[in-house]
Amino acid sequence: MVLEIEEKVIEAKKASIILASVSTETKNAALEAMAQALDDNRDKILEANQKDVETAEKLKRKGELSQALVDRLKVSDSKISGMIDGIRDVINLEDPVGKTIDALELDQGLELYKVSSPIGLIGVIFEARPDVVPQVMSLCLKSGNATIFKGGSEALNSNRVIFNLLNEAAESVKGMPEGAFQLMETREEVNDILSMDAYIDLLIPRGSNAFVKYMQDNTKIPVLGHADGICHVYVDDEADLGKAYDVCFDSKAQYPAVCNAMETLLINEKIASKFLPKMARMYGDANVEMRCDDSSFKILEEIDFLQNVGRATEDDWKTEYNDLILSIKIVGSMEEAMEHINNYGSHHTDAIITESDLKKKRFTDLVDSSSVMINASTRFADGFRYGKGAEVGISTNKIHARGPVGMEGLLIYKYILVGNGDKVGDYAGPDAKKFTHRRLNKTASNALSRN
């Protein structure tokens, strides 16, 4: 088994070299073929997904799968349309490969170019969500990166059908290398992939906190991702409450089973008694369970008909529910809210509702998160919504890429030095030549075409 997996990984690694130099026209043609393949095979995809959902529902009844995981697994006709739209959005994005990032004259006739290039071979390991496959494959293809996919067993049928449709469509386009995209299907293959740091350049895990932590703790391969999605909305005493109701409801109830959904609502004490009762009724109508600190519980316990209200514990402030559950806390100031966010949050996405320009600036400066929202839902933290076409994941890392990661997170760079028989020896000793180190307004492609 290990040998078979290694052969697939080596094949993808070799194909990554070719894919890095494929033209924009060829990559876009492959992407269009992929989009068309999904459109032409909707029934096949839905049939495969139905098998997975039926199995998942049985496991949920046994307590072996959460409702959040079942929700992520489901594919509908509209979701397939979303996959197709995402691929076509990537077609419209500028090809990022081979762009000159910087150009510097070291001396006359000796020019240094910093040029964007693909990372190489990327391993994507994910739970549930079959829509990860088209999102990631389209971004990796356009950015010239070969990819190993390993999905969760709960989505086995969906992943296999979607992957095979996309891969066959891409490889049908002249100029596209074979073997650049590979699908792994067994649990054992995860550990095998984690040990292949000689071939795989980057790992992107998408799943639960425990799942991502396991990846980070068991491989030498760099890991891009986030372990938690503990997101907050703080409603300031200078908030427009109309905006606050809309943003707070959307952040929690629009789709709670995802990492950018709000898990904790923080409310300034000066407006809590005015704001919270109506907000709680809205949540109650949407079947949101509310776990309150002492101050918010005291306000809500007086509303006799309100259901699903209980007490929060210390663990609630640290929990990513991915469900219709919300922690609520009343704070004395924005400073207290920011302290809570930086202490309990996961540096993912946090929002403030306020009309104060000073507070907007201070909140964005001092909240240490990859996305900070001003009077807008946390649910906007998404690669497609950020205009990236799609995303390979959301990163809370402090290096390389942060926030919703599109193609820019799948690129590195290389230096290209263009000379004419130049020697380092000429720049050493008592009669050494001097470096000019002058910025150039030129591209590497122009320089290479002259040599």
Protein backbone atom coordinates (compact mmCIF):
# COMPACT_ATOMS: atom_id res chain seq x y z
CA MET A 1 0.00 0.00 0.00
CA VAL A 2 2.78 2.43 0.94
CA LEU A 3 4.58 1.71 -2.33
CA GLU A 4 1.40 2.38 -4.34
CA ILE A 5 0.84 5.67 -2.52
CA GLU A 6 4.46 6.69 -2.98
CA GLU A 7 4.20 5.97 -6.72
CA LYS A 8 1.17 8.27 -6.94
CA VAL A 9 2.95 11.00 -5.00
CA ILE A 10 6.10 10.72 -7.14
CA GLU A 11 3.99 10.85 -10.31
CA ALA A 12 2.29 14.03 -9.06
CA LYS A 13 5.65 15.53 -8.08
CA LYS A 14 7.03 14.98 -11.59
CA ALA A 15 3.86 16.39 -13.15
CA SER A 16 4.17 19.50 -10.95
CA ILE A 17 7.32 20.51 -12.84
CA ILE A 18 5.46 20.42 -16.14
CA LEU A 19 2.33 22.06 -14.77
CA ALA A 20 4.39 25.00 -13.52
CA SER A 21 5.14 25.97 -17.13
CA VAL A 22 1.73 25.34 -18.74
CA SER A 23 0.37 28.39 -20.58
CA THR A 24 -2.52 30.48 -19.29
CA GLU A 25 -4.61 29.53 -22.32
CA THR A 26 -4.16 25.81 -21.64
CA LYS A 27 -4.95 26.16 -17.94
CA ASN A 28 -8.09 28.16 -18.66
CA ALA A 29 -9.21 25.59 -21.25
CA ALA A 30 -8.75 22.84 -18.66
CA LEU A 31 -10.75 24.82 -16.11
CA GLU A 32 -13.61 25.34 -18.57
CA ALA A 33 -13.59 21.61 -19.34
CA MET A 34 -13.83 20.94 -15.59
CA ALA A 35 -16.76 23.31 -15.17
CA GLN A 36 -18.57 21.74 -18.12
CA ALA A 37 -17.99 18.24 -16.77
CA LEU A 38 -19.72 19.14 -13.51
CA ASP A 39 -22.62 20.74 -15.38
CA ASP A 40 -23.04 17.71 -17.64
CA ASN A 41 -23.01 15.22 -14.76
CA ARG A 42 -25.21 16.79 -12.08
CA ASP A 43 -27.36 13.67 -11.65
CA LYS A 44 -24.29 11.47 -11.24
CA ILE A 45 -22.89 13.75 -8.53
CA LEU A 46 -26.21 13.99 -6.66
CA GLU A 47 -26.69 10.23 -6.78
CA ALA A 48 -23.24 9.61 -5.30
CA ASN A 49 -23.79 12.25 -2.64
CA GLN A 50 -27.13 10.75 -1.65
CA LYS A 51 -25.37 7.48 -0.82
CA ASP A 52 -22.94 9.33 1.40
CA VAL A 53 -25.68 11.34 3.13
CA GLU A 54 -27.76 8.22 3.85
CA THR A 55 -24.74 6.52 5.44
CA ALA A 56 -23.89 9.68 7.39
CA GLU A 57 -27.45 9.99 8.75
CA LYS A 58 -27.21 6.44 10.10
CA LEU A 59 -23.89 7.26 11.78
CA LYS A 60 -25.39 10.45 13.23
CA ARG A 61 -28.23 8.45 14.78
CA LYS A 62 -25.61 6.22 16.42
CA GLY A 63 -23.81 9.31 17.74
CA GLU A 64 -20.75 8.69 15.53
CA LEU A 65 -21.15 11.83 13.37
CA SER A 66 -22.30 15.35 14.28
CA GLN A 67 -25.12 17.21 12.56
CA ALA A 68 -22.56 19.83 11.49
CA LEU A 69 -20.57 17.21 9.61
CA VAL A 70 -23.72 15.88 7.93
CA ASP A 71 -24.65 19.42 6.87
CA ARG A 72 -21.21 20.01 5.34
CA LEU A 73 -21.48 16.76 3.43
CA LYS A 74 -24.70 17.55 1.59
CA VAL A 75 -24.53 18.55 -2.08
CA SER A 76 -27.51 20.13 -3.83
CA ASP A 77 -28.08 21.28 -7.39
CA SER A 78 -27.44 24.86 -6.28
CA LYS A 79 -24.17 23.78 -4.64
CA ILE A 80 -23.09 22.21 -7.91
CA SER A 81 -23.88 25.51 -9.62
CA GLY A 82 -21.74 27.20 -6.99
CA MET A 83 -18.86 24.82 -7.77
CA ILE A 84 -19.17 25.64 -11.46
CA ASP A 85 -19.34 29.38 -10.83
CA GLY A 86 -16.27 29.12 -8.61
CA ILE A 87 -14.24 27.40 -11.33
CA ARG A 88 -15.29 29.96 -13.92
CA ASP A 89 -14.40 32.78 -11.54
CA VAL A 90 -10.89 31.32 -11.36
CA ILE A 91 -10.71 31.39 -15.17
CA ASN A 92 -11.32 35.15 -15.02
CA LEU A 93 -8.54 35.71 -12.49
CA GLU A 94 -5.15 36.83 -13.73
CA ASP A 95 -2.59 34.04 -14.05
CA PRO A 96 -0.26 34.66 -11.09
CA VAL A 97 2.64 32.52 -12.31
CA GLY A 98 5.75 34.16 -13.75
CA LYS A 99 4.93 37.68 -12.58
CA THR A 100 7.89 39.94 -11.84
CA ILE A 101 7.60 40.96 -8.18
CA ASP A 102 10.79 43.02 -8.09
CA ALA A 103 13.62 43.96 -10.44
CA LEU A 104 17.03 45.24 -9.39
CA GLU A 105 20.11 46.22 -11.34
CA LEU A 106 23.14 44.90 -9.48
CA ASP A 107 25.43 46.55 -12.03
CA GLN A 108 25.14 47.59 -15.64
CA GLY A 109 24.16 44.48 -17.57
CA LEU A 110 23.68 42.40 -14.40
CA GLU A 111 20.00 42.27 -13.44
CA LEU A 112 18.17 40.41 -10.69
CA TYR A 113 14.47 39.50 -10.98
CA LYS A 114 12.19 38.16 -8.26
CA VAL A 115 9.50 36.11 -10.04
CA SER A 116 6.37 34.36 -8.73
CA SER A 117 6.33 30.57 -9.07
CA PRO A 118 4.18 27.64 -7.88
CA ILE A 119 4.95 25.95 -4.58
CA GLY A 120 5.03 22.53 -6.28
CA LEU A 121 3.08 19.58 -4.84
CA ILE A 122 0.36 20.35 -2.31
CA GLY A 123 -1.45 17.83 -0.14
CA VAL A 124 -5.04 18.70 0.76
CA ILE A 125 -6.60 16.61 3.53
CA PHE A 126 -10.21 17.41 4.41
CA GLU A 127 -13.32 16.14 6.16
CA ALA A 128 -16.83 16.02 4.69
CA ARG A 129 -17.40 18.92 2.22
CA PRO A 130 -17.06 17.51 -1.34
CA ASP A 131 -17.04 21.07 -2.72
CA VAL A 132 -13.46 21.33 -1.45
CA VAL A 133 -12.31 19.27 -4.45
CA PRO A 134 -13.36 21.70 -7.23
CA GLN A 135 -12.42 24.76 -5.16
CA VAL A 136 -8.91 23.59 -4.46
CA MET A 137 -8.26 21.86 -7.78
CA SER A 138 -9.21 24.96 -9.76
CA LEU A 139 -6.97 27.24 -7.70
CA CYS A 140 -4.07 24.79 -7.72
CA LEU A 141 -4.35 24.24 -11.47
CA LYS A 142 -4.42 27.96 -12.27
CA SER A 143 -1.44 28.57 -9.97
CA GLY A 144 0.49 25.66 -11.47
CA ASN A 145 0.51 23.37 -8.42
CA ALA A 146 0.01 19.61 -8.53
CA THR A 147 -2.25 18.30 -5.77
CA ILE A 148 -2.85 15.19 -3.67
CA PHE A 149 -6.41 15.01 -2.30
CA LYS A 150 -7.47 12.95 0.72
CA GLY A 151 -11.09 13.34 1.71
CA GLY A 152 -12.99 11.91 4.65
CA SER A 153 -14.54 8.46 4.38
CA GLU A 154 -17.98 9.98 4.98
CA ALA A 155 -17.76 11.63 1.53
CA LEU A 156 -16.12 8.72 -0.30
CA ASN A 157 -18.63 8.39 -3.15
CA SER A 158 -19.05 12.14 -3.67
CA ASN A 159 -15.32 12.85 -3.68
CA ARG A 160 -14.56 10.00 -6.07
CA VAL A 161 -17.16 11.03 -8.64
CA ILE A 162 -16.32 14.75 -8.49
CA PHE A 163 -12.57 14.14 -8.58
CA ASN A 164 -12.75 11.72 -11.51
CA LEU A 165 -14.95 14.09 -13.52
CA LEU A 166 -12.61 17.04 -12.91
CA ASN A 167 -9.39 15.11 -13.45
CA GLU A 168 -10.52 13.46 -16.69
CA ALA A 169 -11.74 16.79 -18.01
CA ALA A 170 -8.46 18.56 -17.18
CA GLU A 171 -6.28 15.83 -18.66
CA SER A 172 -8.36 15.81 -21.86
CA VAL A 173 -6.96 19.25 -22.73
CA LYS A 174 -3.84 19.19 -24.91
CA GLY A 175 -0.79 20.43 -23.05
CA MET A 176 -1.97 19.39 -19.58
CA PRO A 177 0.26 16.82 -17.85
CA GLU A 178 -1.16 13.51 -16.66
CA GLY A 179 -0.98 12.57 -13.01
CA ALA A 180 -0.80 16.11 -11.60
CA PHE A 181 -3.88 15.44 -9.48
CA GLN A 182 -4.25 12.33 -7.33
CA LEU A 183 -6.99 11.08 -4.99
CA MET A 184 -6.29 9.05 -1.84
CA GLU A 185 -9.20 7.24 -0.20
CA THR A 186 -8.15 5.19 2.83
CA ARG A 187 -7.51 6.28 6.41
CA GLU A 188 -4.07 4.64 6.35
CA GLU A 189 -3.03 6.87 3.48
CA VAL A 190 -3.20 9.97 5.71
CA ASN A 191 -0.27 8.87 7.84
CA ASP A 192 1.61 7.78 4.72
CA ILE A 193 1.14 11.23 3.20
CA LEU A 194 2.31 12.93 6.39
CA SER A 195 5.64 11.12 6.15
CA MET A 196 6.36 12.13 2.54
CA ASP A 197 8.12 15.43 3.21
CA ALA A 198 10.65 14.55 0.49
CA TYR A 199 7.95 15.06 -2.15
CA ILE A 200 5.06 17.11 -0.72
CA ASP A 201 5.82 20.82 -0.30
CA LEU A 202 2.76 22.03 1.64
CA LEU A 203 -0.17 20.47 3.50
CA ILE A 204 -3.57 22.13 3.76
CA PRO A 205 -5.90 20.44 6.26
CA ARG A 206 -9.57 21.36 6.38
CA GLY A 207 -11.60 19.94 9.23
CA SER A 208 -12.08 19.91 12.98
CA ASN A 209 -9.74 21.36 15.57
CA ALA A 210 -8.51 17.89 16.56
CA PHE A 211 -8.03 16.95 12.91
CA VAL A 212 -5.87 19.99 12.10
CA LYS A 213 -3.89 19.62 15.33
CA TYR A 214 -3.12 16.03 14.40
CA MET A 215 -1.74 17.16 11.04
CA GLN A 216 0.41 19.84 12.65
CA ASP A 217 1.81 17.47 15.27
CA ASN A 218 2.62 14.54 12.99
CA THR A 219 4.47 15.85 9.95
CA LYS A 220 7.61 17.74 8.94
CA ILE A 221 5.73 19.22 5.98
CA PRO A 222 4.69 22.88 6.43
CA VAL A 223 0.98 23.09 7.33
CA LEU A 224 -1.29 25.95 6.25
CA GLY A 225 -4.59 26.27 8.04
CA HIS A 226 -6.43 27.02 11.24
CA ALA A 227 -7.23 24.79 14.19
CA ASP A 228 -10.33 26.66 15.43
CA GLY A 229 -12.95 29.05 14.16
CA ILE A 230 -13.97 30.78 17.39
CA CYS A 231 -15.38 34.02 15.96
CA HIS A 232 -16.88 36.95 17.86
CA VAL A 233 -19.14 39.93 17.21
CA TYR A 234 -18.89 42.86 19.63
CA VAL A 235 -21.89 45.24 19.74
CA ASP A 236 -20.60 48.61 20.93
CA ASP A 237 -22.54 51.21 22.89
CA GLU A 238 -22.26 53.46 19.80
CA ALA A 239 -23.70 50.82 17.48
CA ASP A 240 -26.56 51.31 15.05
CA LEU A 241 -28.83 48.62 16.50
CA GLY A 242 -30.54 47.99 13.18
CA LYS A 243 -27.18 47.01 11.72
CA ALA A 244 -26.39 45.03 14.85
CA TYR A 245 -29.52 42.85 14.60
CA ASP A 246 -28.81 42.03 10.96
CA VAL A 247 -25.10 41.31 11.41
CA CYS A 248 -25.44 39.30 14.61
CA PHE A 249 -28.24 37.15 13.21
CA ASP A 250 -26.45 36.48 9.93
CA SER A 251 -23.15 35.72 11.66
CA LYS A 252 -24.74 32.92 13.71
CA ALA A 253 -27.84 31.62 11.96
CA GLN A 254 -27.19 32.00 8.21
CA TYR A 255 -25.07 28.82 8.20
CA PRO A 256 -23.76 27.77 11.61
CA ALA A 257 -21.79 24.66 10.57
CA VAL A 258 -18.78 26.56 9.23
CA CYS A 259 -15.61 28.06 10.67
CA ASN A 260 -16.56 31.71 10.01
CA ALA A 261 -19.86 31.56 11.93
CA MET A 262 -19.98 33.55 15.18
CA GLU A 263 -19.63 31.53 18.37
CA THR A 264 -19.61 34.33 20.98
CA LEU A 265 -21.65 37.53 21.08
CA LEU A 266 -20.20 40.35 23.20
CA ILE A 267 -22.49 43.27 24.12
CA ASN A 268 -21.61 46.56 25.75
CA GLU A 269 -23.41 46.91 29.09
CA LYS A 270 -24.75 50.37 28.21
CA ILE A 271 -27.03 49.02 25.47
CA ALA A 272 -27.48 45.39 26.58
CA SER A 273 -30.92 45.74 28.14
CA LYS A 274 -32.19 47.53 25.03
CA PHE A 275 -30.51 45.34 22.42
CA LEU A 276 -30.48 41.81 23.84
CA PRO A 277 -34.21 41.01 24.29
CA LYS A 278 -35.08 41.54 20.62
CA MET A 279 -31.87 39.84 19.51
CA ALA A 280 -32.65 36.84 21.71
CA ARG A 281 -36.15 36.55 20.27
CA MET A 282 -34.66 36.47 16.77
CA TYR A 283 -32.30 33.72 17.85
CA GLY A 284 -35.10 31.88 19.62
CA ASP A 285 -37.19 31.87 16.44
CA ALA A 286 -34.21 30.31 14.64
CA ASN A 287 -33.78 27.63 17.35
CA VAL A 288 -30.45 29.01 18.53
CA GLU A 289 -29.45 27.79 21.99
CA MET A 290 -28.07 30.70 24.04
CA ARG A 291 -25.47 30.16 26.76
CA CYS A 292 -25.26 33.32 28.84
CA ASP A 293 -23.00 34.88 31.42
CA ASP A 294 -24.66 36.07 34.63
CA SER A 295 -25.50 39.56 33.33
CA SER A 296 -27.06 38.47 30.04
CA PHE A 297 -28.92 35.59 31.74
CA LYS A 298 -30.46 38.06 34.20
CA ILE A 299 -31.83 40.11 31.29
CA LEU A 300 -33.22 37.12 29.42
CA GLU A 301 -34.68 35.14 32.32
CA GLU A 302 -37.38 37.79 32.61
CA ILE A 303 -38.66 36.92 29.13
CA ASP A 304 -41.02 34.07 30.12
CA PHE A 305 -41.73 32.60 26.70
CA LEU A 306 -38.09 32.56 25.52
CA GLN A 307 -36.67 29.05 25.11
CA ASN A 308 -33.16 27.65 24.79
CA VAL A 309 -31.51 29.95 27.34
CA GLY A 310 -28.95 28.60 29.80
CA ARG A 311 -25.76 29.45 31.67
CA ALA A 312 -22.34 29.64 30.03
CA THR A 313 -19.32 27.93 31.53
CA GLU A 314 -15.65 28.76 31.09
CA ASP A 315 -15.42 26.07 28.40
CA ASP A 316 -18.08 27.80 26.30
CA TRP A 317 -15.80 30.77 25.62
CA LYS A 318 -13.25 28.32 24.16
CA THR A 319 -15.65 26.23 22.07
CA GLU A 320 -16.28 26.18 18.33
CA TYR A 321 -19.85 24.85 18.20
CA ASN A 322 -20.44 24.68 14.43
CA ASP A 323 -24.08 24.47 15.43
CA LEU A 324 -27.06 26.59 16.47
CA ILE A 325 -25.44 27.35 19.82
CA LEU A 326 -24.19 30.79 20.90
CA SER A 327 -22.31 32.09 23.93
CA ILE A 328 -23.35 35.57 25.12
CA LYS A 329 -21.39 37.89 27.38
CA ILE A 330 -21.93 41.48 28.50
CA VAL A 331 -18.77 43.61 28.74
CA GLY A 332 -18.06 47.00 30.24
CA SER A 333 -16.08 48.44 27.33
CA MET A 334 -14.54 47.79 23.93
CA GLU A 335 -11.23 47.18 25.69
CA GLU A 336 -12.79 44.36 27.69
CA ALA A 337 -14.30 42.94 24.51
CA MET A 338 -10.93 43.01 22.72
CA GLU A 339 -9.23 41.39 25.70
CA HIS A 340 -11.81 38.58 25.61
CA ILE A 341 -11.39 38.13 21.85
CA ASN A 342 -7.60 38.01 21.97
CA ASN A 343 -7.70 35.67 24.96
CA TYR A 344 -10.37 33.18 23.85
CA GLY A 345 -10.50 33.68 20.08
CA SER A 346 -8.70 31.67 17.42
CA HIS A 347 -7.43 34.68 15.40
CA HIS A 348 -9.87 33.76 12.63
CA THR A 349 -12.61 36.37 12.15
CA ASP A 350 -14.00 38.95 14.57
CA ALA A 351 -16.37 41.88 14.11
CA ILE A 352 -17.37 45.15 15.74
CA ILE A 353 -20.67 46.97 15.32
CA THR A 354 -20.14 50.68 15.96
CA GLU A 355 -20.58 54.09 14.38
CA SER A 356 -17.47 55.48 16.08
CA ASP A 357 -14.60 56.00 13.63
CA LEU A 358 -12.13 56.06 16.50
CA LYS A 359 -13.33 52.69 17.79
CA LYS A 360 -13.30 51.17 14.30
CA LYS A 361 -9.65 52.08 13.96
CA ARG A 362 -8.70 50.93 17.44
CA PHE A 363 -10.54 47.62 17.06
CA THR A 364 -8.84 46.82 13.75
CA ASP A 365 -5.45 47.78 15.19
CA LEU A 366 -5.70 45.73 18.38
CA VAL A 367 -7.74 42.64 17.50
CA ASP A 368 -5.22 40.04 16.35
CA SER A 369 -7.30 38.16 13.79
CA SER A 370 -6.80 37.24 10.16
CA SER A 371 -10.07 39.01 9.24
CA VAL A 372 -11.62 41.94 11.14
CA MET A 373 -15.10 43.09 10.15
CA ILE A 374 -16.62 46.54 10.68
CA ASN A 375 -20.44 46.50 10.69
CA ALA A 376 -20.45 43.32 8.59
CA SER A 377 -21.09 39.63 9.17
CA THR A 378 -18.24 37.26 10.04
CA ARG A 379 -19.61 35.01 7.30
CA PHE A 380 -17.98 37.22 4.68
CA ALA A 381 -14.59 35.69 5.57
CA ASP A 382 -14.45 33.45 2.52
CA GLY A 383 -12.24 33.21 -0.55
CA PHE A 384 -15.09 33.44 -3.05
CA ARG A 385 -16.62 36.44 -1.29
CA TYR A 386 -13.18 38.07 -1.07
CA GLY A 387 -12.92 37.89 -4.87
CA LYS A 388 -10.36 35.07 -4.94
CA GLY A 389 -12.56 32.81 -7.07
CA ALA A 390 -12.47 30.21 -4.31
CA GLU A 391 -10.22 29.35 -1.40
CA VAL A 392 -7.94 26.51 -0.41
CA GLY A 393 -8.67 27.26 3.23
CA ILE A 394 -8.54 29.93 5.89
CA SER A 395 -5.21 30.42 7.60
CA THR A 396 -4.52 31.93 11.00
CA ASN A 397 -0.76 31.55 10.44
CA LYS A 398 1.51 34.55 10.91
CA ILE A 399 3.74 33.60 7.97
CA HIS A 400 3.25 33.00 4.23
CA ALA A 401 -0.54 33.42 3.92
CA ARG A 402 -3.26 34.60 6.30
CA GLY A 403 -7.05 34.74 6.18
CA PRO A 404 -9.00 33.21 3.25
CA VAL A 405 -6.24 31.83 1.05
CA GLY A 406 -6.59 32.01 -2.71
CA MET A 407 -3.94 31.61 -5.35
CA GLU A 408 -1.60 34.08 -3.67
CA GLY A 409 -1.16 31.53 -0.88
CA LEU A 410 -0.16 28.85 -3.40
CA LEU A 411 2.78 30.81 -4.77
CA ILE A 412 6.35 31.27 -3.76
CA TYR A 413 9.05 33.02 -5.76
CA LYS A 414 12.41 32.41 -7.32
CA TYR A 415 15.28 34.76 -8.16
CA ILE A 416 16.51 34.98 -11.73
CA LEU A 417 19.87 36.65 -12.31
CA VAL A 418 20.59 37.73 -15.89
CA GLY A 419 24.22 38.50 -16.67
CA ASN A 420 26.84 38.41 -19.40
CA GLY A 421 29.74 36.35 -18.10
CA ASP A 422 29.86 38.29 -14.83
CA LYS A 423 32.18 37.15 -12.02
CA VAL A 424 31.99 37.73 -8.25
CA GLY A 425 35.77 38.16 -8.31
CA ASP A 426 35.36 41.48 -10.11
CA TYR A 427 33.55 42.81 -7.02
CA ALA A 428 36.22 41.81 -4.50
CA GLY A 429 39.66 43.21 -3.64
CA PRO A 430 41.15 46.72 -3.70
CA ASP A 431 39.99 47.51 -7.25
CA ALA A 432 36.52 46.00 -6.80
CA LYS A 433 33.68 47.14 -8.99
CA LYS A 434 30.74 48.75 -7.16
CA PHE A 435 27.17 47.45 -7.15
CA THR A 436 24.59 49.97 -8.32
CA HIS A 437 21.57 48.30 -6.68
CA ARG A 438 19.20 50.39 -8.77
CA ARG A 439 15.49 49.57 -9.06
CA LEU A 440 14.33 48.62 -12.54
CA ASN A 441 10.94 49.06 -14.15
CA LYS A 442 11.31 45.89 -16.22
CA THR A 443 10.03 42.32 -16.23
CA ALA A 444 12.00 39.10 -16.25
CA SER A 445 10.27 37.92 -19.44
CA ASN A 446 11.52 41.00 -21.30
CA ALA A 447 15.04 40.49 -19.98
CA LEU A 448 15.08 36.82 -20.95
CA SER A 449 13.81 37.52 -24.45
CA ARG A 450 16.82 39.79 -25.06
CA ASN A 451 19.37 37.16 -24.02
